[in-house]
Amino acid sequence: MFDKSRSDEQLGAHPLAAGSPSSSKIPAASWYALAVLTFINIFGYMDRIALSMLMQPIKLELHLSDQQLGLLSGIAFALFYAILGIPLARLADRSSRVRLISICLTLWSTMTALSGFAQNYTQLFLARIGVGIGEAGCVPPAHSLIGDYFPRAKRALGVSLFNAGAAVGVSVGMFAIGAMGETLGWRASLQIVGLMGLPLAALTFLTLREPARPKIEKADAESAFQSIGGLLRRPAFVHLAIAFSLGQVATHGFSQWAPTFLIRSFNMGMAEIGAWIGAISAGGGVLGVVVGGLLAAKLIPRDPRWELWLPGGALATCTPLFVVMVLSPFAWLVLLLKMLIAFFGAISSGVAIAAVQSFAEPTRRATAVSLVLFLSALLGGGAGPYLIGLASDLLEPAFGKESLRYAFLIAATMLTWAAIHYLLAARHSLKDRVN
């Protein structure tokens, strides 16, 4: 059923090949592939957020500042995730996406495990770079595969279910890593979580098939600069990339620092934080991506601009909630508002990242997704956590241990800015759509 030896002609005849818009029935093979890719996303986010859950004990053992922690959780991962994302996506557009994902999953799982052996800041920094390099080869080829496994009308649903893996990864990761960190220590936690991904890499390589893609002469001869240039000449794509990235500054920046914030401001324990944030991610994040996918499937056929209006409206709703959350003196209110923000943020990000494929030809899909993730990684994954940590250090003389609370306000303004770019993208979307 999942035999990878099938010929290109057989795969090309598959009703879902190249995202055929006329296909209504999705075969079991496509659902199986989506399930495997979603599990990969779960493990990716578990490895990605593991450090954020363990930052306080790491800080105490290695004697680090908040600025250094911001670099570890942000730049060390995000810079190389961003830089390597584009060449790996180009490789995915021209070679086996299944093989690439398998290799990258092996790499980032191994580097997560090695993080647990770090004896100083430099070693931990280098290990985080390895995690970033490995994860750079996951999401763009996975989105490209989903674009081939699912027809155009169901693409947003497929991508949203894949993105649900991120919320599940955060949920399970926060709960499991919080419990392990409190009982086994931060080193054993990273080692265990990293090694768990290796069997999944083997399963992916052995059971997923590589769908055929249309062979377009011009695209085959197209250079990376031509491909990127073609995408950047579409205003809708550019505004979408900016909007998605600005939204990540606030949501991802807060997520990286949330456990530390709850420890410092409310004296919560790691296991307790892990359980609460895990439940919030499961309740808000997973529900948000699924609801977002269902709403997109219902609204986009009526007007394709809903794939941009929906993310913009969801982020606009998050803005006042975010401000009240970071200024709240009550832990229960912080957690409640975080769940609502996780819900609306998941609607926004899930629908938005699926919309990227509307402005990219099949042979540019992975490249388009990688460009969005490149900017998102630099702003949300890299600059966001670092700037929050830097602001916290600068505000500490005035606010003491509450400095992190006020540093979060810098990120809140990004949500409104992002919503504006989604509206600008919608103005150009009808002209710039290619599939």
Protein backbone atom coordinates (compact mmCIF):
# COMPACT_ATOMS: atom_id res chain seq x y z
CA MET A 1 0.00 0.00 0.00
CA PHE A 2 2.90 2.32 0.80
CA ASP A 3 5.39 0.73 -1.60
CA LYS A 4 7.94 3.37 -2.63
CA SER A 5 8.89 1.35 -5.72
CA ARG A 6 5.83 2.55 -7.63
CA SER A 7 6.66 4.24 -10.88
CA ASP A 8 6.28 7.96 -11.43
CA GLU A 9 3.60 7.21 -13.98
CA GLN A 10 1.57 5.28 -11.43
CA LEU A 11 1.96 8.00 -8.86
CA GLY A 12 1.19 10.67 -11.37
CA ALA A 13 -2.09 8.91 -12.10
CA HIS A 14 -3.02 9.05 -8.44
CA PRO A 15 -6.13 11.19 -8.02
CA LEU A 16 -4.33 13.40 -5.53
CA ALA A 17 -1.16 13.88 -7.51
CA ALA A 18 -0.24 17.53 -7.79
CA GLY A 19 -3.15 18.47 -5.60
CA SER A 20 -5.91 17.78 -8.12
CA PRO A 21 -8.79 20.11 -7.35
CA SER A 22 -11.36 17.66 -8.66
CA SER A 23 -10.62 14.90 -6.14
CA SER A 24 -13.16 14.60 -3.36
CA LYS A 25 -12.18 11.25 -1.82
CA ILE A 26 -8.84 11.18 -0.04
CA PRO A 27 -7.24 7.71 -0.10
CA ALA A 28 -6.02 5.91 3.02
CA ALA A 29 -2.40 6.23 1.88
CA SER A 30 -2.65 10.02 2.08
CA TRP A 31 -4.15 9.92 5.57
CA TYR A 32 -1.39 7.53 6.68
CA ALA A 33 1.27 9.84 5.26
CA LEU A 34 -0.32 12.82 7.01
CA ALA A 35 -0.35 10.88 10.30
CA VAL A 36 3.38 10.09 10.01
CA LEU A 37 4.24 13.68 9.09
CA THR A 38 2.14 14.92 12.01
CA PHE A 39 4.04 12.67 14.41
CA ILE A 40 7.28 14.06 13.02
CA ASN A 41 5.99 17.55 13.73
CA ILE A 42 5.10 16.48 17.27
CA PHE A 43 8.66 15.30 17.91
CA GLY A 44 10.06 18.39 16.21
CA TYR A 45 8.25 20.71 18.57
CA MET A 46 9.03 18.58 21.61
CA ASP A 47 12.73 18.92 20.81
CA ARG A 48 12.34 22.59 19.97
CA ILE A 49 10.58 23.64 23.19
CA ALA A 50 12.50 21.30 25.49
CA LEU A 51 15.07 23.98 26.25
CA SER A 52 12.43 26.59 27.11
CA MET A 53 11.00 24.29 29.78
CA LEU A 54 14.44 23.71 31.26
CA MET A 55 15.94 27.21 31.06
CA GLN A 56 15.79 27.98 34.79
CA PRO A 57 17.76 24.89 35.97
CA ILE A 58 20.18 25.33 33.05
CA LYS A 59 20.70 28.96 34.07
CA LEU A 60 21.48 27.97 37.65
CA GLU A 61 23.87 25.13 36.76
CA LEU A 62 25.76 26.87 33.95
CA HIS A 63 25.52 30.38 35.49
CA LEU A 64 23.91 32.06 32.48
CA SER A 65 22.21 35.44 32.05
CA ASP A 66 18.75 35.96 30.53
CA GLN A 67 20.45 37.38 27.45
CA GLN A 68 22.44 34.17 27.01
CA LEU A 69 19.29 32.09 27.54
CA GLY A 70 17.58 34.20 24.88
CA LEU A 71 20.42 33.44 22.48
CA LEU A 72 20.19 29.71 23.23
CA SER A 73 16.43 29.51 22.80
CA GLY A 74 16.38 32.00 19.91
CA ILE A 75 19.37 32.79 17.71
CA ALA A 76 21.28 29.51 18.20
CA PHE A 77 18.32 27.58 16.83
CA ALA A 78 16.59 30.10 14.61
CA LEU A 79 19.54 31.55 12.67
CA PHE A 80 20.65 28.23 11.24
CA TYR A 81 17.08 27.00 10.95
CA ALA A 82 16.44 30.03 8.77
CA ILE A 83 19.68 30.01 6.75
CA LEU A 84 19.60 26.28 5.96
CA GLY A 85 15.86 26.24 5.35
CA ILE A 86 16.03 27.74 1.86
CA PRO A 87 18.75 25.48 0.36
CA LEU A 88 17.14 22.42 1.95
CA ALA A 89 13.78 23.48 0.53
CA ARG A 90 15.34 23.84 -2.94
CA LEU A 91 16.71 20.33 -2.48
CA ALA A 92 13.22 19.17 -1.49
CA ASP A 93 11.74 20.73 -4.65
CA ARG A 94 14.22 18.77 -6.80
CA SER A 95 14.74 15.45 -4.97
CA SER A 96 13.10 13.01 -2.56
CA ARG A 97 11.29 14.89 0.19
CA VAL A 98 10.74 11.68 2.18
CA ARG A 99 14.47 10.90 2.26
CA LEU A 100 15.33 14.47 3.25
CA ILE A 101 12.84 14.50 6.14
CA SER A 102 14.17 11.15 7.42
CA ILE A 103 17.77 12.38 7.44
CA CYS A 104 16.91 15.68 9.08
CA LEU A 105 14.80 14.00 11.78
CA THR A 106 17.78 11.76 12.61
CA LEU A 107 20.07 14.79 12.84
CA TRP A 108 17.94 16.97 15.12
CA SER A 109 17.02 14.05 17.39
CA THR A 110 20.70 13.20 17.84
CA MET A 111 21.66 16.83 18.54
CA THR A 112 18.86 17.18 21.11
CA ALA A 113 20.23 14.15 22.93
CA LEU A 114 23.76 15.57 22.77
CA SER A 115 22.49 18.81 24.35
CA GLY A 116 22.06 16.85 27.55
CA PHE A 117 25.82 16.20 27.66
CA ALA A 118 26.84 19.88 27.33
CA GLN A 119 29.28 21.02 30.01
CA ASN A 120 29.24 24.73 29.22
CA TYR A 121 27.45 27.47 27.31
CA THR A 122 29.45 26.99 24.10
CA GLN A 123 28.73 23.27 23.85
CA LEU A 124 25.02 23.81 24.47
CA PHE A 125 24.97 26.61 21.88
CA LEU A 126 26.59 24.34 19.25
CA ALA A 127 24.12 21.54 20.02
CA ARG A 128 21.20 23.93 19.56
CA ILE A 129 22.65 24.96 16.21
CA GLY A 130 22.54 21.28 15.20
CA VAL A 131 18.89 21.03 16.25
CA GLY A 132 18.11 24.11 14.12
CA ILE A 133 19.91 22.70 11.08
CA GLY A 134 18.02 19.41 11.34
CA GLU A 135 14.59 20.96 11.82
CA ALA A 136 15.18 23.26 8.84
CA GLY A 137 14.59 20.25 6.60
CA CYS A 138 11.22 19.24 8.04
CA VAL A 139 8.34 21.69 7.56
CA PRO A 140 8.90 22.92 3.94
CA PRO A 141 9.14 19.42 2.40
CA ALA A 142 6.31 18.21 4.64
CA HIS A 143 4.03 21.01 3.40
CA SER A 144 5.05 20.22 -0.16
CA LEU A 145 4.16 16.56 0.34
CA ILE A 146 0.78 17.47 1.84
CA GLY A 147 0.14 19.65 -1.23
CA ASP A 148 0.54 16.51 -3.33
CA TYR A 149 -1.27 14.11 -1.01
CA PHE A 150 -4.38 16.32 -0.66
CA PRO A 151 -6.55 18.08 -3.27
CA ARG A 152 -6.58 21.85 -3.41
CA ALA A 153 -9.92 22.24 -1.62
CA LYS A 154 -8.72 20.11 1.33
CA ARG A 155 -5.15 21.43 1.46
CA ALA A 156 -5.80 23.88 4.32
CA LEU A 157 -7.38 21.05 6.33
CA GLY A 158 -4.39 18.78 5.70
CA VAL A 159 -1.88 21.47 6.67
CA SER A 160 -3.94 22.42 9.73
CA LEU A 161 -3.96 18.81 10.94
CA PHE A 162 -0.21 18.68 10.37
CA ASN A 163 0.13 21.88 12.37
CA ALA A 164 -1.91 20.29 15.14
CA GLY A 165 1.20 18.19 15.65
CA ALA A 166 2.99 21.35 16.75
CA ALA A 167 0.38 22.02 19.43
CA VAL A 168 0.45 18.38 20.56
CA GLY A 169 4.25 18.48 20.63
CA VAL A 170 4.20 21.55 22.84
CA SER A 171 1.48 20.04 25.02
CA VAL A 172 3.09 16.63 25.51
CA GLY A 173 6.56 18.14 25.60
CA MET A 174 5.77 20.67 28.31
CA PHE A 175 4.08 18.04 30.47
CA ALA A 176 6.64 15.26 29.97
CA ILE A 177 9.75 17.44 30.04
CA GLY A 178 8.47 19.37 33.06
CA ALA A 179 7.96 16.12 34.95
CA MET A 180 11.29 14.65 33.83
CA GLY A 181 13.14 17.89 34.52
CA GLU A 182 11.90 17.94 38.09
CA THR A 183 12.66 14.26 38.77
CA LEU A 184 15.55 13.35 36.46
CA GLY A 185 17.18 16.73 35.81
CA TRP A 186 17.57 18.74 32.63
CA ARG A 187 20.34 16.58 31.15
CA ALA A 188 18.45 13.28 31.22
CA SER A 189 15.32 15.02 29.93
CA LEU A 190 17.08 16.23 26.77
CA GLN A 191 18.76 12.87 26.21
CA ILE A 192 15.51 10.90 26.47
CA VAL A 193 13.46 13.25 24.30
CA GLY A 194 16.15 13.31 21.61
CA LEU A 195 16.56 9.55 21.31
CA MET A 196 12.80 9.01 21.02
CA GLY A 197 12.80 10.49 17.50
CA LEU A 198 15.19 7.96 15.92
CA PRO A 199 12.69 5.07 15.42
CA LEU A 200 10.27 7.50 13.73
CA ALA A 201 12.98 8.50 11.25
CA ALA A 202 13.35 4.84 10.22
CA LEU A 203 9.57 4.41 9.90
CA THR A 204 9.34 7.48 7.68
CA PHE A 205 12.10 6.32 5.34
CA LEU A 206 10.72 2.80 5.02
CA THR A 207 6.97 3.41 4.63
CA LEU A 208 6.24 6.80 3.03
CA ARG A 209 6.08 7.06 -0.74
CA GLU A 210 7.26 10.02 -2.77
CA PRO A 211 4.40 11.39 -4.95
CA ALA A 212 5.19 12.38 -8.51
CA ARG A 213 5.34 16.07 -9.35
CA PRO A 214 4.58 17.69 -12.70
CA LYS A 215 7.66 17.99 -14.87
CA ILE A 216 7.79 21.55 -16.14
CA GLU A 217 10.73 22.31 -18.37
CA LYS A 218 11.08 25.93 -17.30
CA ALA A 219 10.86 25.07 -13.61
CA ASP A 220 13.45 22.32 -13.97
CA ALA A 221 15.89 24.84 -15.43
CA GLU A 222 15.00 27.57 -12.96
CA SER A 223 17.77 28.71 -10.59
CA ALA A 224 17.21 29.34 -6.90
CA PHE A 225 17.44 33.10 -7.46
CA GLN A 226 14.86 32.95 -10.25
CA SER A 227 12.49 30.92 -8.08
CA ILE A 228 12.88 33.22 -5.07
CA GLY A 229 12.66 36.31 -7.26
CA GLY A 230 9.44 35.09 -8.85
CA LEU A 231 7.86 34.59 -5.44
CA LEU A 232 9.02 37.95 -4.10
CA ARG A 233 7.47 39.74 -7.06
CA ARG A 234 4.04 38.74 -5.74
CA PRO A 235 2.92 41.37 -3.19
CA ALA A 236 0.41 38.99 -1.59
CA PHE A 237 3.16 36.50 -0.83
CA VAL A 238 5.47 39.19 0.59
CA HIS A 239 2.79 40.65 2.89
CA LEU A 240 1.80 37.14 3.98
CA ALA A 241 5.40 36.31 4.90
CA ILE A 242 5.77 39.56 6.88
CA ALA A 243 2.45 39.08 8.67
CA PHE A 244 3.18 35.49 9.65
CA SER A 245 6.63 36.42 10.96
CA LEU A 246 5.51 39.43 13.00
CA GLY A 247 2.81 37.32 14.64
CA GLN A 248 5.47 34.80 15.67
CA VAL A 249 7.49 37.49 17.49
CA ALA A 250 4.74 37.78 20.09
CA THR A 251 3.40 34.22 20.24
CA HIS A 252 6.68 32.33 19.95
CA GLY A 253 8.59 34.86 22.01
CA PHE A 254 6.15 34.50 24.90
CA SER A 255 6.04 30.70 24.59
CA GLN A 256 9.81 30.44 24.94
CA TRP A 257 9.81 32.52 28.12
CA ALA A 258 6.46 31.43 29.62
CA PRO A 259 7.85 28.72 31.96
CA THR A 260 10.53 31.09 33.29
CA PHE A 261 7.91 33.84 33.73
CA LEU A 262 5.62 31.54 35.73
CA ILE A 263 8.50 30.33 37.90
CA ARG A 264 9.72 33.84 38.70
CA SER A 265 6.46 35.74 39.03
CA PHE A 266 4.21 33.06 40.53
CA ASN A 267 6.68 30.58 42.12
CA MET A 268 5.25 27.64 40.18
CA GLY A 269 7.20 24.37 39.85
CA MET A 270 8.37 22.87 36.56
CA ALA A 271 6.06 19.86 36.73
CA GLU A 272 3.10 22.10 37.55
CA ILE A 273 3.95 24.48 34.71
CA GLY A 274 4.44 21.60 32.31
CA ALA A 275 1.04 20.15 33.18
CA TRP A 276 -0.77 23.48 32.82
CA ILE A 277 0.93 24.62 29.62
CA GLY A 278 0.59 21.13 28.21
CA ALA A 279 -3.16 21.16 28.86
CA ILE A 280 -3.43 24.69 27.46
CA SER A 281 -1.59 23.73 24.29
CA ALA A 282 -3.77 20.66 23.86
CA GLY A 283 -7.00 22.51 24.59
CA GLY A 284 -6.27 25.78 22.81
CA GLY A 285 -3.63 24.94 20.22
CA VAL A 286 -4.97 21.67 18.85
CA LEU A 287 -8.56 22.93 18.85
CA GLY A 288 -7.44 26.12 17.13
CA VAL A 289 -5.67 24.45 14.22
CA VAL A 290 -8.55 22.04 13.67
CA VAL A 291 -11.21 24.79 13.88
CA GLY A 292 -9.06 26.96 11.62
CA GLY A 293 -8.80 24.19 9.04
CA LEU A 294 -12.55 23.53 9.11
CA LEU A 295 -13.37 27.24 8.84
CA ALA A 296 -10.94 27.60 5.94
CA ALA A 297 -12.47 24.61 4.14
CA LYS A 298 -15.91 26.22 4.52
CA LEU A 299 -15.06 29.88 3.78
CA ILE A 300 -12.30 29.77 1.15
CA PRO A 301 -14.52 28.25 -1.59
CA ARG A 302 -16.85 31.25 -1.11
CA ASP A 303 -14.02 33.79 -1.36
CA PRO A 304 -10.33 32.79 -1.47
CA ARG A 305 -9.37 35.93 0.45
CA TRP A 306 -10.68 34.26 3.60
CA GLU A 307 -7.34 32.41 3.78
CA LEU A 308 -5.88 35.84 4.69
CA TRP A 309 -8.81 37.54 6.40
CA LEU A 310 -9.14 34.67 8.86
CA PRO A 311 -5.53 34.80 10.15
CA GLY A 312 -5.63 38.61 10.35
CA GLY A 313 -8.85 38.66 12.34
CA ALA A 314 -7.59 35.98 14.72
CA LEU A 315 -4.41 37.95 15.49
CA ALA A 316 -6.34 41.17 15.99
CA THR A 317 -8.42 39.35 18.60
CA CYS A 318 -5.23 38.20 20.35
CA THR A 319 -3.82 41.71 20.89
CA PRO A 320 -5.88 42.90 23.89
CA LEU A 321 -5.82 39.42 25.39
CA PHE A 322 -2.01 39.41 25.25
CA VAL A 323 -1.64 42.76 27.04
CA VAL A 324 -4.02 41.75 29.84
CA MET A 325 -2.27 38.38 30.17
CA VAL A 326 1.26 39.68 30.71
CA LEU A 327 0.10 42.36 33.17
CA SER A 328 -2.17 40.06 35.18
CA PRO A 329 -1.28 39.55 38.87
CA PHE A 330 -3.08 36.18 38.93
CA ALA A 331 -1.56 32.95 37.63
CA TRP A 332 -4.99 31.48 36.82
CA LEU A 333 -5.82 34.47 34.61
CA VAL A 334 -2.46 34.24 32.82
CA LEU A 335 -3.12 30.57 32.05
CA LEU A 336 -6.72 31.17 30.97
CA LEU A 337 -5.74 33.98 28.59
CA LYS A 338 -2.82 31.96 27.27
CA MET A 339 -5.29 29.24 26.31
CA LEU A 340 -7.45 31.73 24.40
CA ILE A 341 -4.39 33.21 22.70
CA ALA A 342 -3.21 29.70 21.82
CA PHE A 343 -6.62 29.02 20.23
CA PHE A 344 -6.76 32.18 18.10
CA GLY A 345 -3.02 32.06 17.36
CA ALA A 346 -3.35 28.50 16.09
CA ILE A 347 -6.23 29.48 13.81
CA SER A 348 -4.08 32.26 12.41
CA SER A 349 -0.84 30.36 11.88
CA GLY A 350 -2.46 27.16 10.58
CA VAL A 351 -4.53 28.88 7.90
CA ALA A 352 -1.77 31.35 6.99
CA ILE A 353 0.96 28.79 6.39
CA ALA A 354 -1.43 26.77 4.22
CA ALA A 355 -2.19 29.94 2.21
CA VAL A 356 1.47 30.16 1.17
CA GLN A 357 0.90 27.39 -1.38
CA SER A 358 -1.75 29.48 -3.13
CA PHE A 359 0.99 31.82 -4.32
CA ALA A 360 3.55 29.20 -5.38
CA GLU A 361 3.66 26.74 -8.27
CA PRO A 362 4.01 23.02 -7.34
CA THR A 363 7.76 23.08 -8.06
CA ARG A 364 8.18 26.17 -5.82
CA ARG A 365 6.07 25.05 -2.85
CA ALA A 366 8.87 23.98 -0.51
CA THR A 367 10.89 27.06 -1.46
CA ALA A 368 7.91 29.35 -0.73
CA VAL A 369 7.28 27.77 2.66
CA SER A 370 10.99 27.97 3.50
CA LEU A 371 11.07 31.70 2.69
CA VAL A 372 8.19 32.34 5.08
CA LEU A 373 9.83 30.19 7.75
CA PHE A 374 13.17 31.94 7.10
CA LEU A 375 11.73 35.32 7.98
CA SER A 376 9.61 33.83 10.77
CA ALA A 377 12.64 32.11 12.30
CA LEU A 378 14.72 35.28 12.23
CA LEU A 379 11.99 37.49 13.70
CA GLY A 380 9.86 35.17 15.82
CA GLY A 381 12.23 32.34 16.63
CA GLY A 382 15.44 34.36 16.83
CA ALA A 383 14.89 38.05 17.49
CA GLY A 384 11.76 37.54 19.60
CA PRO A 385 13.22 35.47 22.48
CA TYR A 386 16.52 37.37 22.37
CA LEU A 387 14.95 40.84 22.50
CA ILE A 388 12.64 39.79 25.32
CA GLY A 389 15.62 38.45 27.27
CA LEU A 390 17.66 41.59 26.56
CA ALA A 391 14.77 43.86 27.60
CA SER A 392 14.33 41.81 30.76
CA ASP A 393 18.00 42.31 31.69
CA LEU A 394 17.73 46.05 31.01
CA LEU A 395 14.55 46.38 33.07
CA GLU A 396 15.75 44.25 35.97
CA PRO A 397 17.29 47.15 37.95
CA ALA A 398 13.87 48.86 37.97
CA PHE A 399 11.49 45.90 38.25
CA GLY A 400 13.55 43.07 39.75
CA LYS A 401 12.21 39.59 39.07
CA GLU A 402 9.12 41.13 37.40
CA SER A 403 11.26 42.60 34.58
CA LEU A 404 10.25 39.77 32.24
CA ARG A 405 6.58 40.71 32.59
CA TYR A 406 7.15 44.20 31.18
CA ALA A 407 9.58 42.98 28.53
CA PHE A 408 6.68 41.02 27.00
CA LEU A 409 4.89 44.26 26.11
CA ILE A 410 7.44 44.90 23.36
CA ALA A 411 6.14 41.84 21.54
CA ALA A 412 2.45 42.72 21.94
CA THR A 413 2.58 45.54 19.38
CA MET A 414 3.63 43.04 16.71
CA LEU A 415 0.21 41.39 16.70
CA THR A 416 -1.60 44.47 15.38
CA TRP A 417 1.17 45.12 12.87
CA ALA A 418 0.84 41.55 11.61
CA ALA A 419 -2.95 41.87 11.20
CA ILE A 420 -2.43 44.92 8.97
CA HIS A 421 -0.13 42.96 6.65
CA TYR A 422 -2.71 40.17 6.34
CA LEU A 423 -5.22 42.75 5.12
CA LEU A 424 -2.67 44.11 2.64
CA ALA A 425 -2.00 40.57 1.39
CA ALA A 426 -5.73 40.05 0.85
CA ARG A 427 -5.87 43.15 -1.39
CA HIS A 428 -3.41 41.52 -3.82
CA SER A 429 -4.37 37.88 -3.39
CA LEU A 430 -6.80 37.46 -6.29
CA LYS A 431 -4.22 38.71 -8.77
CA ASP A 432 -1.27 36.79 -7.31
CA ARG A 433 -2.86 33.36 -6.78
CA VAL A 434 -1.40 30.65 -9.02
CA ASN A 435 -3.11 27.52 -7.67
